Amino acid sequence: MAHEYRAGIAWSRGDQAFLDQRYSRAHVWRFDGGVEVEASSAPSSVPLPFSKPDAVDPEEALAASAASCHMLFFLHLAAKQGFRVDSYADDAVAVMTKNAAGKLYVSTITLNPKIVFSGARAPGPEEVAALHHHAHDECYIANSLKGEIVLGAPTFSIA
């Protein structure tokens, strides 16, 4: 069964010359439900003032998408096994390098989840590792990418 997911983007030249490559890369992402997010190229790709450093860039969004997908499957699997999660945070890191053809790509996304469990049934390290492994196997984003998604050193505690 196929599912469709849509996102809109909007950019406008305004009064910028454009052909001299001196134009803003700032634009807007639009998602269902009316959510709008300011976006831009990364300042490491397009220098200031033509990028907007406080906007989300596609590489950051890719890291966030991978981390979010992993987390959502982890939470589902933990609840299914009777482990109560109080909080889950991640500081995902995407690394861009060149591939064999010399083209830049996001070669690695490292997830660094920090999870707090509570309740009568607390998981041990092996169970937490198994939950992460299963979440990674199920994650739609991880299954869609050529680059590697690595689980860093996740931490967890019992409240």
C-alpha atoms as a PDB file:
ATOM      1  CA  MET A   1       0.000   0.000   0.000  1.00  0.00           C
ATOM      2  CA  ALA A   2       1.480   3.319  -1.071  1.00  0.00           C
ATOM      3  CA  HIS A   3       1.330   6.422   1.101  1.00  0.00           C
ATOM      4  CA  GLU A   4       1.963   9.982  -0.083  1.00  0.00           C
ATOM      5  CA  TYR A   5       3.558  12.708   1.981  1.00  0.00           C
ATOM      6  CA  ARG A   6       3.581  16.239   0.670  1.00  0.00           C
ATOM      7  CA  ALA A   7       5.567  19.307   1.542  1.00  0.00           C
ATOM      8  CA  GLY A   8       5.437  22.663  -0.177  1.00  0.00           C
ATOM      9  CA  ILE A   9       8.264  25.105  -0.628  1.00  0.00           C
ATOM     10  CA  ALA A  10       8.122  28.758  -1.675  1.00  0.00           C
ATOM     11  CA  TRP A  11      10.909  31.131  -2.693  1.00  0.00           C
ATOM     12  CA  SER A  12      10.740  34.496  -4.409  1.00  0.00           C
ATOM     13  CA  ARG A  13      13.521  36.515  -6.029  1.00  0.00           C
ATOM     14  CA  GLY A  14      12.086  39.866  -4.984  1.00  0.00           C
ATOM     15  CA  ASP A  15      14.302  42.690  -6.234  1.00  0.00           C
ATOM     16  CA  GLN A  16      17.532  40.666  -6.256  1.00  0.00           C
ATOM     17  CA  ALA A  17      19.527  40.456  -9.506  1.00  0.00           C
ATOM     18  CA  PHE A  18      19.739  36.613  -9.403  1.00  0.00           C
ATOM     19  CA  LEU A  19      22.000  36.001 -12.419  1.00  0.00           C
ATOM     20  CA  ASP A  20      25.048  37.211 -10.463  1.00  0.00           C
ATOM     21  CA  GLN A  21      24.409  34.415  -7.888  1.00  0.00           C
ATOM     22  CA  ARG A  22      23.935  37.074  -5.190  1.00  0.00           C
ATOM     23  CA  TYR A  23      20.421  36.201  -4.061  1.00  0.00           C
ATOM     24  CA  SER A  24      18.950  34.977  -0.819  1.00  0.00           C
ATOM     25  CA  ARG A  25      18.461  31.252  -0.435  1.00  0.00           C
ATOM     26  CA  ALA A  26      15.901  31.832   2.332  1.00  0.00           C
ATOM     27  CA  HIS A  27      12.563  30.192   1.631  1.00  0.00           C
ATOM     28  CA  VAL A  28       9.597  28.639   3.416  1.00  0.00           C
ATOM     29  CA  TRP A  29       8.603  25.017   3.907  1.00  0.00           C
ATOM     30  CA  ARG A  30       4.859  24.381   4.212  1.00  0.00           C
ATOM     31  CA  PHE A  31       3.411  21.238   5.729  1.00  0.00           C
ATOM     32  CA  ASP A  32      -0.116  19.943   6.148  1.00  0.00           C
ATOM     33  CA  GLY A  33      -2.043  21.512   8.951  1.00  0.00           C
ATOM     34  CA  GLY A  34      -0.596  24.923   8.088  1.00  0.00           C
ATOM     35  CA  VAL A  35       2.826  24.598   9.708  1.00  0.00           C
ATOM     36  CA  GLU A  36       5.420  26.844   8.068  1.00  0.00           C
ATOM     37  CA  VAL A  37       9.156  26.616   8.719  1.00  0.00           C
ATOM     38  CA  GLU A  38      11.800  29.099   7.637  1.00  0.00           C
ATOM     39  CA  ALA A  39      14.421  27.314   5.572  1.00  0.00           C
ATOM     40  CA  SER A  40      17.648  28.193   3.792  1.00  0.00           C
ATOM     41  CA  SER A  41      20.814  26.710   2.458  1.00  0.00           C
ATOM     42  CA  ALA A  42      23.397  26.015   5.140  1.00  0.00           C
ATOM     43  CA  PRO A  43      25.880  28.854   5.679  1.00  0.00           C
ATOM     44  CA  SER A  44      28.614  26.267   5.092  1.00  0.00           C
ATOM     45  CA  SER A  45      27.239  25.802   1.566  1.00  0.00           C
ATOM     46  CA  VAL A  46      26.238  29.358   0.714  1.00  0.00           C
ATOM     47  CA  PRO A  47      27.968  32.125   2.692  1.00  0.00           C
ATOM     48  CA  LEU A  48      26.199  34.938   4.503  1.00  0.00           C
ATOM     49  CA  PRO A  49      24.291  37.089   3.673  1.00  0.00           C
ATOM     50  CA  PHE A  50      22.844  34.776   1.010  1.00  0.00           C
ATOM     51  CA  SER A  51      21.897  32.053   3.497  1.00  0.00           C
ATOM     52  CA  LYS A  52      19.903  32.468   6.692  1.00  0.00           C
ATOM     53  CA  PRO A  53      21.726  30.834   9.629  1.00  0.00           C
ATOM     54  CA  ASP A  54      18.683  30.800  11.942  1.00  0.00           C
ATOM     55  CA  ALA A  55      16.593  28.875   9.407  1.00  0.00           C
ATOM     56  CA  VAL A  56      16.497  25.100   8.979  1.00  0.00           C
ATOM     57  CA  ASP A  57      18.712  23.799   6.190  1.00  0.00           C
ATOM     58  CA  PRO A  58      18.036  20.546   4.313  1.00  0.00           C
ATOM     59  CA  GLU A  59      20.952  18.745   5.954  1.00  0.00           C
ATOM     60  CA  GLU A  60      19.714  19.608   9.451  1.00  0.00           C
ATOM     61  CA  ALA A  61      16.217  18.551   8.437  1.00  0.00           C
ATOM     62  CA  LEU A  62      17.543  15.193   7.248  1.00  0.00           C
ATOM     63  CA  ALA A  63      19.244  14.605  10.613  1.00  0.00           C
ATOM     64  CA  ALA A  64      16.056  15.617  12.435  1.00  0.00           C
ATOM     65  CA  SER A  65      13.926  13.363  10.211  1.00  0.00           C
ATOM     66  CA  ALA A  66      16.128  10.348  10.879  1.00  0.00           C
ATOM     67  CA  ALA A  67      16.186  11.036  14.632  1.00  0.00           C
ATOM     68  CA  SER A  68      12.433  11.642  14.777  1.00  0.00           C
ATOM     69  CA  CYS A  69      11.594   8.484  12.829  1.00  0.00           C
ATOM     70  CA  HIS A  70      13.888   6.386  15.032  1.00  0.00           C
ATOM     71  CA  MET A  71      12.380   7.899  18.182  1.00  0.00           C
ATOM     72  CA  LEU A  72       8.794   7.296  17.089  1.00  0.00           C
ATOM     73  CA  PHE A  73       9.482   3.611  16.435  1.00  0.00           C
ATOM     74  CA  PHE A  74      11.468   3.320  19.688  1.00  0.00           C
ATOM     75  CA  LEU A  75       8.567   4.790  21.700  1.00  0.00           C
ATOM     76  CA  HIS A  76       6.082   2.467  20.004  1.00  0.00           C
ATOM     77  CA  LEU A  77       8.212  -0.597  20.647  1.00  0.00           C
ATOM     78  CA  ALA A  78       8.985   0.366  24.259  1.00  0.00           C
ATOM     79  CA  ALA A  79       5.277   0.862  25.043  1.00  0.00           C
ATOM     80  CA  LYS A  80       4.414  -2.424  23.339  1.00  0.00           C
ATOM     81  CA  GLN A  81       6.922  -4.214  25.609  1.00  0.00           C
ATOM     82  CA  GLY A  82       5.609  -2.503  28.741  1.00  0.00           C
ATOM     83  CA  PHE A  83       8.480  -0.041  29.292  1.00  0.00           C
ATOM     84  CA  ARG A  84       7.259   3.429  30.297  1.00  0.00           C
ATOM     85  CA  VAL A  85       9.302   6.224  28.714  1.00  0.00           C
ATOM     86  CA  ASP A  86       9.184   9.585  30.490  1.00  0.00           C
ATOM     87  CA  SER A  87      11.383  11.491  28.071  1.00  0.00           C
ATOM     88  CA  TYR A  88      13.440  11.008  24.937  1.00  0.00           C
ATOM     89  CA  ALA A  89      15.873  13.595  23.559  1.00  0.00           C
ATOM     90  CA  ASP A  90      18.413  13.348  20.779  1.00  0.00           C
ATOM     91  CA  ASP A  91      21.155  15.554  19.393  1.00  0.00           C
ATOM     92  CA  ALA A  92      21.565  13.971  15.963  1.00  0.00           C
ATOM     93  CA  VAL A  93      24.629  14.858  13.884  1.00  0.00           C
ATOM     94  CA  ALA A  94      24.734  14.639  10.092  1.00  0.00           C
ATOM     95  CA  VAL A  95      28.169  14.541   8.436  1.00  0.00           C
ATOM     96  CA  MET A  96      28.619  15.468   4.802  1.00  0.00           C
ATOM     97  CA  THR A  97      31.542  14.025   2.861  1.00  0.00           C
ATOM     98  CA  LYS A  98      32.328  13.242  -0.765  1.00  0.00           C
ATOM     99  CA  ASN A  99      31.306   9.935  -2.313  1.00  0.00           C
ATOM    100  CA  ALA A 100      33.410   7.868  -4.741  1.00  0.00           C
ATOM    101  CA  ALA A 101      32.325  10.150  -7.611  1.00  0.00           C
ATOM    102  CA  GLY A 102      33.478  13.231  -5.674  1.00  0.00           C
ATOM    103  CA  LYS A 103      29.921  14.424  -4.974  1.00  0.00           C
ATOM    104  CA  LEU A 104      28.925  15.696  -1.542  1.00  0.00           C
ATOM    105  CA  TYR A 105      26.369  13.621   0.329  1.00  0.00           C
ATOM    106  CA  VAL A 106      25.272  13.023   3.895  1.00  0.00           C
ATOM    107  CA  SER A 107      27.402   9.965   4.564  1.00  0.00           C
ATOM    108  CA  THR A 108      26.563   9.459   8.227  1.00  0.00           C
ATOM    109  CA  ILE A 109      23.877  10.476  10.667  1.00  0.00           C
ATOM    110  CA  THR A 110      24.734   9.716  14.280  1.00  0.00           C
ATOM    111  CA  LEU A 111      21.885   9.495  16.749  1.00  0.00           C
ATOM    112  CA  ASN A 112      22.620  10.258  20.400  1.00  0.00           C
ATOM    113  CA  PRO A 113      19.409   9.458  22.264  1.00  0.00           C
ATOM    114  CA  LYS A 114      18.961  10.164  25.953  1.00  0.00           C
ATOM    115  CA  ILE A 115      16.009   8.280  27.379  1.00  0.00           C
ATOM    116  CA  VAL A 116      14.444   8.280  30.824  1.00  0.00           C
ATOM    117  CA  PHE A 117      12.278   5.310  31.829  1.00  0.00           C
ATOM    118  CA  SER A 118      10.090   4.931  34.911  1.00  0.00           C
ATOM    119  CA  GLY A 119       7.584   2.479  36.259  1.00  0.00           C
ATOM    120  CA  ALA A 120       7.526  -1.045  37.594  1.00  0.00           C
ATOM    121  CA  ARG A 121       9.129  -2.620  34.524  1.00  0.00           C
ATOM    122  CA  ALA A 122      12.569  -1.149  33.752  1.00  0.00           C
ATOM    123  CA  PRO A 123      14.626  -2.316  30.766  1.00  0.00           C
ATOM    124  CA  GLY A 124      18.222  -3.399  31.060  1.00  0.00           C
ATOM    125  CA  PRO A 125      20.989  -2.337  28.671  1.00  0.00           C
ATOM    126  CA  GLU A 126      20.454  -5.363  26.410  1.00  0.00           C
ATOM    127  CA  GLU A 127      16.735  -4.636  26.119  1.00  0.00           C
ATOM    128  CA  VAL A 128      17.395  -0.970  25.339  1.00  0.00           C
ATOM    129  CA  ALA A 129      19.920  -1.976  22.666  1.00  0.00           C
ATOM    130  CA  ALA A 130      17.394  -4.412  21.174  1.00  0.00           C
ATOM    131  CA  LEU A 131      14.729  -1.678  21.097  1.00  0.00           C
ATOM    132  CA  HIS A 132      17.136   0.635  19.253  1.00  0.00           C
ATOM    133  CA  HIS A 133      18.084  -2.097  16.794  1.00  0.00           C
ATOM    134  CA  HIS A 134      14.434  -2.908  16.071  1.00  0.00           C
ATOM    135  CA  ALA A 135      13.542   0.813  15.768  1.00  0.00           C
ATOM    136  CA  HIS A 136      16.377   1.275  13.264  1.00  0.00           C
ATOM    137  CA  ASP A 137      15.207  -1.718  11.214  1.00  0.00           C
ATOM    138  CA  GLU A 138      11.663  -0.321  11.073  1.00  0.00           C
ATOM    139  CA  CYS A 139      12.502   3.366  10.507  1.00  0.00           C
ATOM    140  CA  TYR A 140      11.201   4.544   7.122  1.00  0.00           C
ATOM    141  CA  ILE A 141      13.856   7.233   6.822  1.00  0.00           C
ATOM    142  CA  ALA A 142      16.752   4.883   7.633  1.00  0.00           C
ATOM    143  CA  ASN A 143      15.387   2.437   5.074  1.00  0.00           C
ATOM    144  CA  SER A 144      15.318   5.224   2.457  1.00  0.00           C
ATOM    145  CA  LEU A 145      18.882   6.543   2.713  1.00  0.00           C
ATOM    146  CA  LYS A 146      22.164   5.499   1.114  1.00  0.00           C
ATOM    147  CA  GLY A 147      24.254   6.994   3.901  1.00  0.00           C
ATOM    148  CA  GLU A 148      24.772   5.248   7.204  1.00  0.00           C
ATOM    149  CA  ILE A 149      22.764   5.961  10.328  1.00  0.00           C
ATOM    150  CA  VAL A 150      24.802   5.179  13.424  1.00  0.00           C
ATOM    151  CA  LEU A 151      23.555   4.880  16.966  1.00  0.00           C
ATOM    152  CA  GLY A 152      26.089   6.781  19.059  1.00  0.00           C
ATOM    153  CA  ALA A 153      26.288   6.190  22.789  1.00  0.00           C
ATOM    154  CA  PRO A 154      22.672   6.319  23.908  1.00  0.00           C
ATOM    155  CA  THR A 155      22.050   6.959  27.547  1.00  0.00           C
ATOM    156  CA  PHE A 156      19.062   5.984  29.617  1.00  0.00           C
ATOM    157  CA  SER A 157      18.055   6.167  33.219  1.00  0.00           C
ATOM    158  CA  ILE A 158      15.253   4.983  35.445  1.00  0.00           C
ATOM    159  CA  ALA A 159      13.350   7.694  37.296  1.00  0.00           C
END
